[in-house]
Structure formats: structure tokens, C-alpha cells
Amino acid sequence: MTSRRQPVAPIVVLLVVALIPAVALLIGWRSLSRNDDTQGEVEIEPSLSSETAFVPGGRQLLTFRRAAIELSGQANRGQLESDLAAVTQLMAPASCLAVSVDGVAISGTSDVAAIPASTIKILVAAAALDVLGDDFTFRTTVLGEPPSSGVINGDVTLVGGGDPLLSGEWYASSGLDRFPVFGETSLDDLARQLSALGVQRITGSIVGNGSRYDNEWYYDEWGDGIAGIEAGPFDALLANDARVEGDQYRWSDPAAGAAAEFVIRLRAAGITVDGGSRSEEGEPRGNELAAVTSGPLALVVAEMLQNSDNNTAEMLLKEIGVATSGEGSRDAGIAAVVDLLEQQGVSTDGLVLVDGSGLSNTARIRCSTLVEVLDGAHPSLHDGLAVAGVSGTLASVFTEGPMTGRLHGKTGTLSNIPFDADPPAVKALAGEFDVGDVGSERIRFALVLNQYMVNDQANYRPIWDALAAALSRYPSGPGIAEMSP
């Protein structure tokens, strides 16, 4: 294999210059240690062949290896900064780029506050994992009167617990979505539990209850053609993204749609429902007859990130609100996310959060904020990102070359029609690149392009390719061995 490293004679000279003060301090220490008998210290005389130099008192000042590591890192990061210039020169002024190597920010990039599109889901994922925990689960319950002789008299209430992946078992293979749901929670299993209790008939109706969250099912800040197509309606009770088997359209009331879907699932389990279905608000009442639990939050987050699932993002934002303030609203969720960022020392300069999905073109974020969040995020967030050439929204991107299988990221797209007026279109990519040949070193990055028609592949792919080329060349400077004496 041909080495990527270049001749580094000037860097070696720099190393020698950097080590001169260490040697001088070492000599001075030896002189002091011989003349200072009042401290009662044992004299230690490190030889010049030792890696370690000391100052009086025994404090370690410098090692040759540590100096080599630092100088190698500085040289390689400096080269990466130079390589990234090929990216920034292609970007419009409203776009931003930020990069870090193992948490060390790379300077020379552009960091205006830009429209983030779906990269904002990174903030939602990070906050949800921190607030709720990666093993948190959602619970959907069935309430009603206990069955007698196979009959439940009266209504049965299906109570939503905020599970965004509650689905009939037909839904994943339905082809209704570009990216099939995965990690789903089975609504059929809930019906089978009632059948296992001996239930054969329900004399009343199936009543859907989504009162855990407020009734803001769409957001006014979304542009035309988004509500009911790209996202919504969503509530604490949502099944099949508000779809019912046999109906190609989403139901306008998500809880009513889930109740109608549950009637179908019950019939498939051999249970007759006399009264049809409807929704209601308010505190649900009744005995718990059955319950179904989602997969762990880490799996839900992975589905959201890989599929760029807008409903999942909005529901997670409201669940964060429930956990932090008892209020299942987007305002409560947004406040909690911002508070968490500030507590963690992440810069919120220029940050404007509007929703959890990134569908609003009035949101703003600096790329450096995205990178800071990625640097400090729970491992489950990184594990949940789409993989270039392999999964989710990146399955058909970078299918060949050094990015394949090594770039993990979150994409973002907004068309923002009309194309010739503000706000501009958005194409974004944020995540991490596994350098691979230098142990655990990771490059975290965020590239958010805001410019007219940048969502067209002919316009954004040259910029993405320039970023990929810069990242794939790292490290192109001297290695530790080359910097060591």
C-alpha cells in the first residue's frame, strides 16, 4: 500500500526547535536539584536519552512522544484546514461548514447561522437520549371493563404513550413511504393480547386517546405542500403515520385514525367491534386490559435519523417536554433542548429552533453548534446515523470510494419554492467520518448549504464530493513515528 504521507523535513526542524526549551529546563533542574539541600528531596538525574523532562518538584513538563503526538496532530489538522478551502470556495455566503478532529475544532471554515433542514434532528436525538435515556420505552395501553364470557361491555380506549412507531404489521412492507419503518411496535400484538384474554366481542366503540400531547398536529411555520405529506398529523396516539389499512390517505385526526386501524387489527384477531371507532380528549379511564411497549429509545432514534422520520422527530420533541416540564408541546420541548445545550456548554449563538423535524425554513443554526453536539453526544446517536452506501438516506450516496461504510451522517433537504426568491433551498450533511487507520480518531463535520436550487444534485454534489475528498485525505501530514527523535 502506498503511503499518503509527504516529506516533512521542515516539521522535523520544528520539532528540534520545540525540544530545545525542554532540554534547557532539564539541565536547569539538574543544577537546582544539586544545590538545593533544604528541601530534603532525593536527587533524580534523568539522562538525555529519557523521554521525560521535569521541572523542580518532579512535575512532568514534556515527553518526546507527547511532543511528537502534538506536533503531528497540529500538522495534520493544519493540512485538513488547507484542504477544506476547496469546499468553502464553492459555498454560497449563506452556507456554513464546521469540522472537528477528536473534539479539536478546525479553523478557517464558514460558520454563519443557516437553515438546517433535517440536520436539526441531531439536536433532538441528542436531547432525547440525554433526558430520557437510551433504554427508555414508550407504552401504549388498552383500557376498558374486564371481559365477561368473552364480551367487553362498553367502549374500549386505546391510549397513546407517544410511540411514533406504533404500526400494523402490514405497514412496513406497504411501500407507502420511501424508507420503510423499522423497529416498529406491533398494534397487532395488542389485539392478540385481548384475544388471549378470551375476548370475542366489544359492544361499544374503540376510542383513541392522544391526550399525553397537545393538539398541535401541524405547524404553521411549515411551507406549502408539507403538512399531511412530509409530516403530520401527529399526536401521542399515532399508528402507521395516521394511515389505516386499505385507505391511501392519512386521517386528519391521528387518534381517530389509530382507533380505526385498531378495529381492523382486532377483527384480524377474531374480535368483533359493534360500535366502530372515534377519538376523545381528556384523562383516559378504565382498567388496563393490555399493553405493548416499544423498542428502546436508541432504536427509535436510529429510525428517525436513518429514515429522516419527521413524525418521530416531532413526537420525540414533545416527549422531551413531558419529561422536563410535564407538558407535551413543541414549545416545552424546544425550551428543554436549548436549556440542555446551554448546560452542556454548547454555543447557542444564532440558534433558532422552530420544530423537531427541520421542516421550517425559519429555523437557524451554526454548523459549529451541530459539531459540538456531535462531539458530546451519546454513543447511540452515532450508532443510529445512516451509513454512506449502506443504509437510510445515505444508502445511494458515496456507494464507491473511501466514504463507503465510513461516513455516518444525517442529511437534510428543503426545496423552498419558488427557486428565485428567499429563503433559498437547503442541502445539508452532518455526521462523522471514521479515519480508520489512526485508531479511534474521528472527524465530526456539518455542511449546511443554503443557496438557490442547491437541492439539485448537479449543484450540491460537487460540494459534497469536495468535502469527501478533504476528509478522505486526512491524515496527509507527518505521523507520530516521523515526528519522534
Protein backbone atom coordinates (compact mmCIF):
# COMPACT_ATOMS: atom_id res chain seq x y z
CA MET A 1 0.00 0.00 0.00
CA THR A 2 1.38 3.42 -0.97
CA SER A 3 1.79 5.82 1.94
CA ARG A 4 -0.17 9.07 1.86
CA ARG A 5 2.37 10.91 3.97
CA GLN A 6 4.60 13.60 2.49
CA PRO A 7 8.26 14.61 3.14
CA VAL A 8 8.43 16.61 6.36
CA ALA A 9 11.93 17.95 6.74
CA PRO A 10 10.69 21.42 7.89
CA ILE A 11 8.47 19.80 10.51
CA VAL A 12 11.39 17.81 11.90
CA VAL A 13 13.31 21.06 12.25
CA LEU A 14 10.32 22.47 14.10
CA LEU A 15 10.40 19.51 16.48
CA VAL A 16 14.05 20.08 17.29
CA VAL A 17 13.36 23.74 17.96
CA ALA A 18 10.42 22.81 20.18
CA LEU A 19 12.57 20.41 22.23
CA ILE A 20 15.35 22.92 22.94
CA PRO A 21 13.42 24.59 25.82
CA ALA A 22 12.75 21.16 27.31
CA VAL A 23 16.42 20.26 27.31
CA ALA A 24 17.29 23.64 28.80
CA LEU A 25 14.76 23.17 31.58
CA LEU A 26 16.08 19.68 32.23
CA ILE A 27 19.65 20.99 32.63
CA GLY A 28 18.43 23.81 34.87
CA TRP A 29 16.55 21.35 37.03
CA ARG A 30 19.64 19.18 37.46
CA SER A 31 21.59 22.21 38.60
CA LEU A 32 18.88 23.26 41.03
CA SER A 33 18.47 19.78 42.45
CA ARG A 34 22.21 19.58 43.24
CA ASN A 35 22.30 22.96 45.06
CA ASP A 36 19.00 22.80 46.97
CA ASP A 37 19.65 20.69 50.06
CA THR A 38 16.99 22.38 52.19
CA GLN A 39 14.06 20.51 50.65
CA GLY A 40 15.24 17.07 51.67
CA GLU A 41 14.39 15.68 48.26
CA VAL A 42 16.04 12.68 46.67
CA GLU A 43 18.04 13.71 43.65
CA ILE A 44 16.98 12.04 40.42
CA GLU A 45 19.13 12.55 37.38
CA PRO A 46 17.27 11.68 34.21
CA SER A 47 19.59 11.13 31.29
CA LEU A 48 19.22 12.93 27.98
CA SER A 49 18.08 9.65 26.45
CA SER A 50 14.96 9.64 28.65
CA GLU A 51 11.66 10.64 27.08
CA THR A 52 10.69 12.75 30.07
CA ALA A 53 11.88 16.17 31.20
CA PHE A 54 10.99 17.57 34.63
CA VAL A 55 10.78 20.90 36.37
CA PRO A 56 11.67 21.36 40.06
CA GLY A 57 9.28 19.46 42.30
CA GLY A 58 9.05 16.49 39.97
CA ARG A 59 6.22 17.80 37.71
CA GLN A 60 6.33 16.30 34.25
CA LEU A 61 6.87 19.00 31.64
CA LEU A 62 7.34 17.27 28.30
CA THR A 63 7.97 13.91 26.72
CA PHE A 64 9.44 13.40 23.32
CA ARG A 65 6.50 11.17 22.38
CA ARG A 66 3.92 13.63 23.64
CA ALA A 67 5.61 16.39 21.68
CA ALA A 68 5.57 14.19 18.59
CA ILE A 69 1.87 13.45 19.03
CA GLU A 70 1.03 17.13 19.47
CA LEU A 71 3.13 18.31 16.56
CA SER A 72 1.84 15.55 14.30
CA GLY A 73 -1.74 16.45 15.21
CA GLN A 74 -1.14 20.14 14.59
CA ALA A 75 0.44 19.45 11.22
CA ASN A 76 -2.36 17.13 10.11
CA ARG A 77 -5.10 19.45 11.30
CA GLY A 78 -3.39 22.32 9.54
CA GLN A 79 -3.34 20.32 6.33
CA LEU A 80 -7.04 19.47 6.75
CA GLU A 81 -7.80 23.16 7.19
CA SER A 82 -5.98 23.84 3.92
CA ASP A 83 -7.86 21.04 2.15
CA LEU A 84 -11.23 22.37 3.36
CA ALA A 85 -10.59 25.60 1.48
CA ALA A 86 -11.61 23.67 -1.65
CA VAL A 87 -15.03 23.25 -0.04
CA THR A 88 -15.60 26.76 1.29
CA GLN A 89 -14.74 28.36 -2.02
CA LEU A 90 -17.69 26.52 -3.60
CA MET A 91 -20.18 27.59 -0.93
CA ALA A 92 -22.63 30.49 -1.06
CA PRO A 93 -22.24 33.14 1.69
CA ALA A 94 -25.39 31.93 3.50
CA SER A 95 -23.96 28.40 3.92
CA CYS A 96 -21.82 27.06 6.74
CA LEU A 97 -19.18 24.40 7.38
CA ALA A 98 -17.63 23.23 10.65
CA VAL A 99 -15.21 20.36 11.30
CA SER A 100 -13.51 18.90 14.36
CA VAL A 101 -10.94 16.16 14.85
CA ASP A 102 -11.44 14.32 18.13
CA GLY A 103 -13.11 17.41 19.53
CA VAL A 104 -10.50 19.89 18.29
CA ALA A 105 -12.18 22.47 16.06
CA ILE A 106 -10.65 23.10 12.65
CA SER A 107 -10.43 26.81 11.89
CA GLY A 108 -10.81 28.51 8.56
CA THR A 109 -14.36 27.27 7.92
CA SER A 110 -17.57 29.23 7.43
CA ASP A 111 -19.93 29.48 10.38
CA VAL A 112 -22.94 31.67 9.65
CA ALA A 113 -26.32 30.64 11.05
CA ALA A 114 -28.02 28.72 8.24
CA ILE A 115 -31.36 26.99 7.64
CA PRO A 116 -30.58 23.46 8.90
CA ALA A 117 -33.37 21.33 7.39
CA SER A 118 -33.34 17.79 8.83
CA THR A 119 -29.90 18.08 10.44
CA ILE A 120 -31.80 19.66 13.34
CA LYS A 121 -32.87 16.10 14.19
CA ILE A 122 -29.34 15.65 15.58
CA LEU A 123 -30.22 18.08 18.39
CA VAL A 124 -33.50 16.27 19.08
CA ALA A 125 -31.77 12.88 19.14
CA ALA A 126 -29.03 14.10 21.48
CA ALA A 127 -31.51 15.73 23.87
CA ALA A 128 -33.86 12.74 23.89
CA LEU A 129 -31.03 10.34 24.72
CA ASP A 130 -29.77 12.62 27.49
CA VAL A 131 -33.17 13.40 29.01
CA LEU A 132 -34.96 10.06 28.56
CA GLY A 133 -32.07 7.58 28.39
CA ASP A 134 -31.20 5.18 25.59
CA ASP A 135 -33.26 2.37 27.17
CA PHE A 136 -36.44 4.44 27.57
CA THR A 137 -39.55 2.85 26.05
CA PHE A 138 -42.99 4.09 25.02
CA ARG A 139 -46.08 2.27 26.28
CA THR A 140 -49.46 2.03 24.53
CA THR A 141 -52.33 0.67 26.62
CA VAL A 142 -55.90 -0.61 26.23
CA LEU A 143 -58.41 0.36 28.92
CA GLY A 144 -61.93 -0.96 29.46
CA GLU A 145 -64.19 -3.15 31.55
CA PRO A 146 -62.89 -6.67 32.21
CA PRO A 147 -64.39 -9.19 29.77
CA SER A 148 -67.26 -11.42 30.86
CA SER A 149 -67.98 -14.59 28.90
CA GLY A 150 -65.81 -13.29 26.06
CA VAL A 151 -67.57 -9.92 25.90
CA ILE A 152 -66.35 -6.43 26.88
CA ASN A 153 -69.39 -4.30 27.54
CA GLY A 154 -68.99 -0.66 26.57
CA ASP A 155 -66.16 1.27 24.99
CA VAL A 156 -62.51 0.28 24.89
CA THR A 157 -59.93 3.09 24.97
CA LEU A 158 -56.66 2.92 23.09
CA VAL A 159 -54.31 5.24 24.97
CA GLY A 160 -51.27 6.68 23.21
CA GLY A 161 -47.99 6.86 25.08
CA GLY A 162 -46.12 8.83 22.44
CA ASP A 163 -44.85 5.83 20.45
CA PRO A 164 -44.05 7.14 16.94
CA LEU A 165 -43.52 3.64 15.52
CA LEU A 166 -46.82 2.02 16.53
CA SER A 167 -47.89 0.12 13.41
CA GLY A 168 -49.99 -2.61 11.96
CA GLU A 169 -47.79 -5.46 10.78
CA TRP A 170 -48.70 -4.69 7.16
CA TYR A 171 -47.28 -1.18 7.23
CA ALA A 172 -43.53 -1.79 6.97
CA SER A 173 -43.91 -3.58 3.64
CA SER A 174 -46.70 -1.36 2.31
CA GLY A 175 -44.48 0.77 0.08
CA LEU A 176 -46.27 3.91 1.26
CA ASP A 177 -43.05 5.53 2.41
CA ARG A 178 -39.73 5.99 0.65
CA PHE A 179 -37.91 4.48 3.61
CA PRO A 180 -39.84 1.64 5.30
CA VAL A 181 -40.33 1.94 9.03
CA PHE A 182 -38.14 -0.32 11.16
CA GLY A 183 -38.12 -1.07 14.87
CA GLU A 184 -41.91 -0.76 14.79
CA THR A 185 -44.21 -1.60 17.72
CA SER A 186 -46.92 -4.09 16.77
CA LEU A 187 -50.52 -2.95 17.08
CA ASP A 188 -51.48 -6.49 16.07
CA ASP A 189 -49.80 -7.78 19.22
CA LEU A 190 -52.06 -5.56 21.29
CA ALA A 191 -55.10 -7.10 19.59
CA ARG A 192 -53.75 -10.61 20.12
CA GLN A 193 -53.37 -9.91 23.84
CA LEU A 194 -57.09 -9.19 24.08
CA SER A 195 -57.84 -12.37 22.14
CA ALA A 196 -55.65 -14.30 24.59
CA LEU A 197 -57.90 -12.99 27.38
CA GLY A 198 -60.79 -14.72 25.67
CA VAL A 199 -62.33 -11.54 24.24
CA GLN A 200 -64.54 -12.20 21.21
CA ARG A 201 -66.73 -9.10 21.16
CA ILE A 202 -66.69 -5.45 22.19
CA THR A 203 -70.16 -3.96 22.42
CA GLY A 204 -69.03 -0.33 22.36
CA SER A 205 -66.54 1.62 20.29
CA ILE A 206 -62.75 1.77 20.09
CA VAL A 207 -61.86 5.22 21.39
CA GLY A 208 -58.48 6.72 20.54
CA ASN A 209 -56.91 8.98 23.17
CA GLY A 210 -53.78 11.05 22.49
CA SER A 211 -54.10 13.44 25.42
CA ARG A 212 -50.49 12.94 26.53
CA TYR A 213 -49.57 15.64 23.99
CA ASP A 214 -51.30 18.85 22.94
CA ASN A 215 -53.43 19.06 19.79
CA GLU A 216 -50.95 20.89 17.58
CA TRP A 217 -50.78 18.28 14.83
CA TYR A 218 -49.21 20.53 12.16
CA TYR A 219 -47.14 23.70 12.37
CA ASP A 220 -47.98 26.99 10.68
CA GLU A 221 -44.26 27.64 10.10
CA TRP A 222 -44.05 24.85 7.55
CA GLY A 223 -44.12 25.80 3.89
CA ASP A 224 -46.73 24.82 1.33
CA GLY A 225 -47.02 21.13 0.50
CA ILE A 226 -45.54 19.86 3.78
CA ALA A 227 -48.44 19.35 6.22
CA GLY A 228 -50.00 15.93 5.75
CA ILE A 229 -47.40 14.95 3.16
CA GLU A 230 -43.94 15.31 4.69
CA ALA A 231 -45.19 15.29 8.29
CA GLY A 232 -48.33 15.24 10.39
CA PRO A 233 -50.79 14.85 11.69
CA PHE A 234 -49.11 13.50 14.83
CA ASP A 235 -50.29 13.07 18.39
CA ALA A 236 -49.42 10.92 21.38
CA LEU A 237 -51.53 8.23 19.71
CA LEU A 238 -50.38 7.63 16.15
CA ALA A 239 -50.46 4.44 14.12
CA ASN A 240 -49.00 3.92 10.65
CA ASP A 241 -48.25 7.67 10.45
CA ALA A 242 -52.03 8.31 10.55
CA ARG A 243 -52.83 5.75 7.88
CA VAL A 244 -55.42 2.98 8.02
CA GLU A 245 -55.06 -0.25 6.07
CA GLY A 246 -56.98 -0.03 2.80
CA ASP A 247 -57.01 3.79 2.78
CA GLN A 248 -54.24 5.54 0.83
CA TYR A 249 -54.80 8.88 2.57
CA ARG A 250 -53.73 9.98 6.04
CA TRP A 251 -56.52 10.57 8.54
CA SER A 252 -56.86 14.19 9.64
CA ASP A 253 -57.23 13.15 13.31
CA PRO A 254 -54.31 10.87 14.26
CA ALA A 255 -56.03 9.36 17.32
CA ALA A 256 -59.18 8.63 15.32
CA GLY A 257 -57.06 7.01 12.62
CA ALA A 258 -55.27 4.83 15.16
CA ALA A 259 -58.60 3.76 16.65
CA ALA A 260 -59.91 2.82 13.19
CA GLU A 261 -56.74 0.86 12.49
CA PHE A 262 -57.09 -0.96 15.82
CA VAL A 263 -60.61 -2.07 14.86
CA ILE A 264 -59.09 -3.76 11.79
CA ARG A 265 -56.38 -5.40 13.87
CA LEU A 266 -58.98 -6.64 16.38
CA ARG A 267 -61.08 -8.16 13.61
CA ALA A 268 -57.98 -9.89 12.27
CA ALA A 269 -57.55 -11.37 15.77
CA GLY A 270 -61.13 -12.65 15.75
CA ILE A 271 -62.73 -9.89 17.82
CA THR A 272 -65.94 -8.14 16.71
CA VAL A 273 -66.40 -4.42 17.46
CA ASP A 274 -70.04 -3.30 17.43
CA GLY A 275 -69.62 0.46 17.74
CA GLY A 276 -66.89 1.38 15.26
CA SER A 277 -64.23 3.91 16.28
CA ARG A 278 -63.73 7.55 17.30
CA SER A 279 -61.37 9.75 19.30
CA GLU A 280 -61.70 11.65 22.56
CA GLU A 281 -59.73 14.07 24.70
CA GLY A 282 -59.22 14.20 28.43
CA GLU A 283 -57.88 11.84 31.05
CA PRO A 284 -58.49 8.24 29.96
CA ARG A 285 -60.33 5.95 32.37
CA GLY A 286 -60.78 2.22 32.79
CA ASN A 287 -58.96 -0.94 33.77
CA GLU A 288 -55.80 -1.79 31.90
CA LEU A 289 -56.51 -4.85 29.76
CA ALA A 290 -53.42 -4.96 27.56
CA ALA A 291 -50.25 -3.03 26.80
CA VAL A 292 -47.48 -3.02 24.24
CA THR A 293 -44.04 -1.49 24.70
CA SER A 294 -41.77 -0.01 22.06
CA GLY A 295 -38.19 -0.94 21.44
CA PRO A 296 -35.54 1.04 23.36
CA LEU A 297 -35.15 4.72 22.55
CA ALA A 298 -31.79 4.03 20.87
CA LEU A 299 -33.70 2.07 18.20
CA VAL A 300 -36.36 4.77 17.83
CA VAL A 301 -33.63 7.40 17.42
CA ALA A 302 -31.91 5.25 14.78
CA GLU A 303 -35.16 5.01 12.81
CA MET A 304 -35.59 8.77 13.00
CA LEU A 305 -32.03 9.54 11.88
CA GLN A 306 -31.67 6.94 9.16
CA ASN A 307 -35.13 7.44 7.63
CA SER A 308 -35.26 11.16 8.46
CA ASP A 309 -38.64 10.41 10.01
CA ASN A 310 -40.34 13.76 10.61
CA ASN A 311 -43.22 12.45 12.73
CA THR A 312 -40.78 10.62 15.01
CA ALA A 313 -38.76 13.80 15.45
CA GLU A 314 -41.78 15.92 16.37
CA MET A 315 -43.09 13.34 18.82
CA LEU A 316 -39.69 12.96 20.48
CA LEU A 317 -39.55 16.72 20.91
CA LYS A 318 -42.91 16.66 22.71
CA GLU A 319 -41.85 13.70 24.86
CA ILE A 320 -38.80 15.70 25.94
CA GLY A 321 -41.28 18.38 27.00
CA VAL A 322 -43.26 15.84 29.02
CA ALA A 323 -40.11 14.59 30.76
CA THR A 324 -38.78 18.04 31.65
CA SER A 325 -41.91 20.06 32.38
CA GLY A 326 -44.90 17.72 32.24
CA GLU A 327 -46.11 19.48 29.09
CA GLY A 328 -46.30 17.58 25.80
CA SER A 329 -45.84 20.54 23.47
CA ARG A 330 -43.21 21.64 20.98
CA ASP A 331 -42.59 24.86 22.96
CA ALA A 332 -41.79 22.85 26.08
CA GLY A 333 -39.57 20.51 24.08
CA ILE A 334 -37.69 23.35 22.38
CA ALA A 335 -37.10 25.11 25.71
CA ALA A 336 -35.72 21.89 27.16
CA VAL A 337 -33.37 21.31 24.22
CA VAL A 338 -31.97 24.85 24.42
CA ASP A 339 -31.55 24.61 28.21
CA LEU A 340 -29.69 21.33 27.83
CA LEU A 341 -27.34 22.77 25.22
CA GLU A 342 -26.52 25.71 27.48
CA GLN A 343 -25.96 23.42 30.47
CA GLN A 344 -23.51 21.39 28.41
CA GLY A 345 -21.63 24.48 27.29
CA VAL A 346 -22.68 24.17 23.65
CA SER A 347 -22.88 27.51 21.87
CA THR A 348 -26.42 28.60 21.05
CA ASP A 349 -25.38 31.80 19.24
CA GLY A 350 -27.64 32.30 16.26
CA LEU A 351 -29.77 29.27 17.17
CA VAL A 352 -33.47 29.49 16.27
CA LEU A 353 -35.40 26.27 16.91
CA VAL A 354 -38.88 26.04 15.43
CA ASP A 355 -39.66 22.33 15.29
CA GLY A 356 -38.06 18.92 15.74
CA SER A 357 -38.07 17.85 12.10
CA GLY A 358 -36.33 20.79 10.44
CA LEU A 359 -39.20 21.36 8.01
CA SER A 360 -39.45 25.04 8.90
CA ASN A 361 -37.36 27.40 6.79
CA THR A 362 -37.32 29.97 9.60
CA ALA A 363 -35.04 27.83 11.79
CA ARG A 364 -31.33 28.72 12.01
CA ILE A 365 -28.23 27.02 13.40
CA ARG A 366 -24.47 27.41 13.13
CA CYS A 367 -22.58 24.40 11.85
CA SER A 368 -20.27 24.66 14.86
CA THR A 369 -23.25 24.02 17.14
CA LEU A 370 -24.07 20.82 15.24
CA VAL A 371 -20.46 19.66 15.53
CA GLU A 372 -20.30 20.46 19.25
CA VAL A 373 -23.43 18.38 19.78
CA LEU A 374 -21.97 15.51 17.76
CA ASP A 375 -18.72 15.68 19.74
CA GLY A 376 -20.56 15.33 23.05
CA ALA A 377 -23.44 13.09 22.03
CA HIS A 378 -24.42 9.71 23.46
CA PRO A 379 -22.87 6.79 21.52
CA SER A 380 -26.36 5.66 20.47
CA LEU A 381 -26.70 8.79 18.36
CA HIS A 382 -23.58 7.95 16.37
CA ASP A 383 -24.65 4.32 16.08
CA GLY A 384 -28.02 5.45 14.72
CA LEU A 385 -26.76 7.61 11.85
CA ALA A 386 -27.20 6.47 8.27
CA VAL A 387 -24.09 4.93 6.69
CA ALA A 388 -22.83 6.00 3.27
CA GLY A 389 -23.59 3.42 0.61
CA VAL A 390 -25.28 1.18 3.19
CA SER A 391 -28.38 2.49 4.96
CA GLY A 392 -31.16 5.05 5.17
CA THR A 393 -30.93 8.35 3.34
CA LEU A 394 -27.26 7.66 2.54
CA ALA A 395 -27.81 4.20 1.02
CA SER A 396 -27.42 5.56 -2.52
CA VAL A 397 -24.76 8.17 -1.69
CA PHE A 398 -21.00 7.56 -1.83
CA THR A 399 -21.58 3.97 -2.92
CA GLU A 400 -17.96 3.72 -4.04
CA GLY A 401 -14.75 5.14 -2.67
CA PRO A 402 -13.32 5.97 0.75
CA MET A 403 -16.62 7.27 2.19
CA THR A 404 -18.46 3.97 1.71
CA GLY A 405 -19.15 2.39 5.09
CA ARG A 406 -17.02 5.01 6.87
CA LEU A 407 -19.11 8.17 6.66
CA HIS A 408 -22.03 8.19 9.10
CA GLY A 409 -24.38 11.10 8.70
CA LYS A 410 -27.68 12.90 8.71
CA THR A 411 -28.90 14.53 5.54
CA GLY A 412 -31.26 17.48 5.14
CA THR A 413 -33.21 18.89 2.20
CA LEU A 414 -35.66 21.75 1.66
CA SER A 415 -36.75 22.95 -1.77
CA ASN A 416 -38.23 26.27 -0.59
CA ILE A 417 -40.11 27.06 -3.77
CA PRO A 418 -40.08 29.49 -5.59
CA PHE A 419 -36.48 28.89 -6.57
CA ASP A 420 -35.71 32.53 -7.41
CA ALA A 421 -36.67 34.06 -4.06
CA ASP A 422 -35.66 33.87 -0.41
CA PRO A 423 -35.44 31.69 1.55
CA PRO A 424 -33.01 29.62 -0.51
CA ALA A 425 -33.09 25.86 -0.89
CA VAL A 426 -31.19 23.70 1.60
CA LYS A 427 -28.97 20.66 1.22
CA ALA A 428 -27.14 19.53 4.34
CA LEU A 429 -24.93 16.73 5.57
CA ALA A 430 -23.65 16.34 9.12
CA GLY A 431 -22.06 13.45 10.96
CA GLU A 432 -18.71 11.77 11.38
CA PHE A 433 -16.00 10.14 9.33
CA ASP A 434 -14.07 7.17 10.68
CA VAL A 435 -10.47 7.86 9.74
CA GLY A 436 -9.78 4.18 10.34
CA ASP A 437 -6.02 3.97 10.13
CA VAL A 438 -5.29 6.00 13.26
CA GLY A 439 -7.15 4.13 15.95
CA SER A 440 -10.18 5.83 17.45
CA GLU A 441 -9.72 9.21 15.78
CA ARG A 442 -12.98 10.69 14.49
CA ILE A 443 -13.74 13.65 12.29
CA ARG A 444 -17.09 15.30 13.05
CA PHE A 445 -18.48 17.72 10.49
CA ALA A 446 -21.52 19.74 9.46
CA LEU A 447 -22.04 21.17 5.99
CA VAL A 448 -25.27 23.15 5.55
CA LEU A 449 -25.71 24.63 2.09
CA ASN A 450 -28.19 27.48 1.66
CA GLN A 451 -28.42 28.71 -1.93
CA TYR A 452 -30.84 28.74 -4.82
CA MET A 453 -31.57 25.28 -6.25
CA VAL A 454 -28.83 23.70 -4.17
CA ASN A 455 -31.18 20.75 -3.63
CA ASP A 456 -30.47 19.85 -7.28
CA GLN A 457 -27.82 17.11 -7.34
CA ALA A 458 -25.88 18.92 -10.04
CA ASN A 459 -25.39 21.81 -7.63
CA TYR A 460 -24.70 20.13 -4.29
CA ARG A 461 -22.78 17.00 -5.26
CA PRO A 462 -19.61 18.85 -6.32
CA ILE A 463 -19.52 20.45 -2.87
CA TRP A 464 -20.22 17.15 -1.10
CA ASP A 465 -17.53 15.49 -3.20
CA ALA A 466 -15.04 18.22 -2.31
CA LEU A 467 -15.78 17.65 1.38
CA ALA A 468 -15.40 13.90 0.95
CA ALA A 469 -12.05 14.39 -0.79
CA ALA A 470 -10.77 16.62 2.02
CA LEU A 471 -11.87 14.20 4.75
CA SER A 472 -10.54 11.13 2.97
CA ARG A 473 -7.05 12.65 2.68
CA TYR A 474 -6.76 13.01 6.45
CA PRO A 475 -4.13 12.49 7.80
CA SER A 476 -1.89 13.62 4.97
CA GLY A 477 0.81 15.13 7.16
CA PRO A 478 3.53 13.52 9.27
CA GLY A 479 2.80 10.60 11.57
CA ILE A 480 3.95 10.21 15.17
CA ALA A 481 6.86 7.98 14.19
CA GLU A 482 8.11 10.55 11.72
CA MET A 483 7.98 13.28 14.36
CA SER A 484 9.81 11.27 17.02
CA PRO A 485 13.59 11.65 17.50
